[in-house]
Amino acid sequence: MAGGDGQYDADAPIGGRIRELRKAHGRTLHDVATAVGISVSYLSQIERDVSRLPIGVLKHTGRFRAALC
């Protein structure tokens, strides 16, 4: 999250937020995982903050966002 100085905490867990967005838009783990090119089990690990979201997936932010909406 951004601090008052505009800096972001690179270590802040984001998995829970991803899960919230996915569920709010009625998407399944399978829907989102397929859209961004990762396995369902890996996405589940990301949502539970067991694994980190890789930079390669972040580069496809548009695809990831589209998969959640």
Protein backbone atom coordinates (compact mmCIF):
# COMPACT_ATOMS: atom_id res chain seq x y z
CA MET A 1 0.00 0.00 0.00
CA ALA A 2 1.08 3.56 -0.51
CA GLY A 3 2.36 5.45 2.45
CA GLY A 4 1.98 9.16 3.01
CA ASP A 5 5.14 9.72 1.00
CA GLY A 6 3.82 7.88 -2.06
CA GLN A 7 6.06 4.87 -1.48
CA TYR A 8 4.71 1.33 -1.77
CA ASP A 9 5.51 -1.58 0.50
CA ALA A 10 6.84 -4.19 -1.93
CA ASP A 11 6.41 -6.87 0.73
CA ALA A 12 2.76 -6.12 1.52
CA PRO A 13 0.57 -9.18 0.95
CA ILE A 14 -1.97 -8.65 -1.82
CA GLY A 15 -3.47 -12.11 -2.13
CA GLY A 16 -6.49 -11.33 0.03
CA ARG A 17 -7.33 -8.32 -2.10
CA ILE A 18 -7.06 -10.39 -5.26
CA ARG A 19 -9.47 -12.93 -3.76
CA GLU A 20 -11.91 -10.18 -2.73
CA LEU A 21 -11.93 -8.72 -6.24
CA ARG A 22 -12.29 -12.13 -7.87
CA LYS A 23 -15.25 -13.08 -5.69
CA ALA A 24 -16.88 -9.65 -5.97
CA HIS A 25 -16.93 -10.09 -9.75
CA GLY A 26 -18.20 -13.66 -9.58
CA ARG A 27 -15.05 -15.18 -11.08
CA THR A 28 -13.73 -18.62 -10.23
CA LEU A 29 -10.13 -19.49 -9.54
CA HIS A 30 -10.19 -21.36 -12.85
CA ASP A 31 -11.47 -18.30 -14.76
CA VAL A 32 -8.73 -16.02 -13.48
CA ALA A 33 -5.91 -18.56 -13.59
CA THR A 34 -6.69 -19.44 -17.19
CA ALA A 35 -6.91 -15.78 -18.21
CA VAL A 36 -3.49 -14.94 -16.79
CA GLY A 37 -1.77 -18.20 -17.72
CA ILE A 38 -1.07 -19.73 -14.32
CA SER A 39 -2.39 -22.86 -12.62
CA VAL A 40 -5.41 -22.83 -10.34
CA SER A 41 -3.33 -24.18 -7.46
CA TYR A 42 -0.74 -21.43 -7.93
CA LEU A 43 -3.42 -18.71 -7.95
CA SER A 44 -4.88 -20.22 -4.80
CA GLN A 45 -1.47 -20.02 -3.15
CA ILE A 46 -1.15 -16.38 -4.22
CA GLU A 47 -4.57 -15.55 -2.77
CA ARG A 48 -3.58 -17.16 0.53
CA ASP A 49 -0.25 -15.29 0.50
CA VAL A 50 1.61 -18.60 0.49
CA SER A 51 3.27 -17.64 -2.82
CA ARG A 52 4.00 -14.22 -4.22
CA LEU A 53 2.53 -12.87 -7.40
CA PRO A 54 5.39 -13.10 -9.91
CA ILE A 55 6.57 -10.07 -11.82
CA GLY A 56 5.80 -11.86 -15.08
CA VAL A 57 2.11 -11.94 -14.14
CA LEU A 58 2.23 -8.35 -12.98
CA LYS A 59 3.51 -7.36 -16.43
CA HIS A 60 0.18 -8.61 -17.73
CA THR A 61 -1.78 -6.40 -15.34
CA GLY A 62 -4.36 -5.62 -18.01
CA ARG A 63 -5.09 -9.30 -18.52
CA PHE A 64 -5.16 -9.87 -14.77
CA ARG A 65 -7.53 -6.95 -14.20
CA ALA A 66 -9.74 -8.05 -17.09
CA ALA A 67 -9.89 -11.56 -15.62
CA LEU A 68 -11.16 -10.15 -12.32
CA CYS A 69 -13.84 -7.95 -13.88
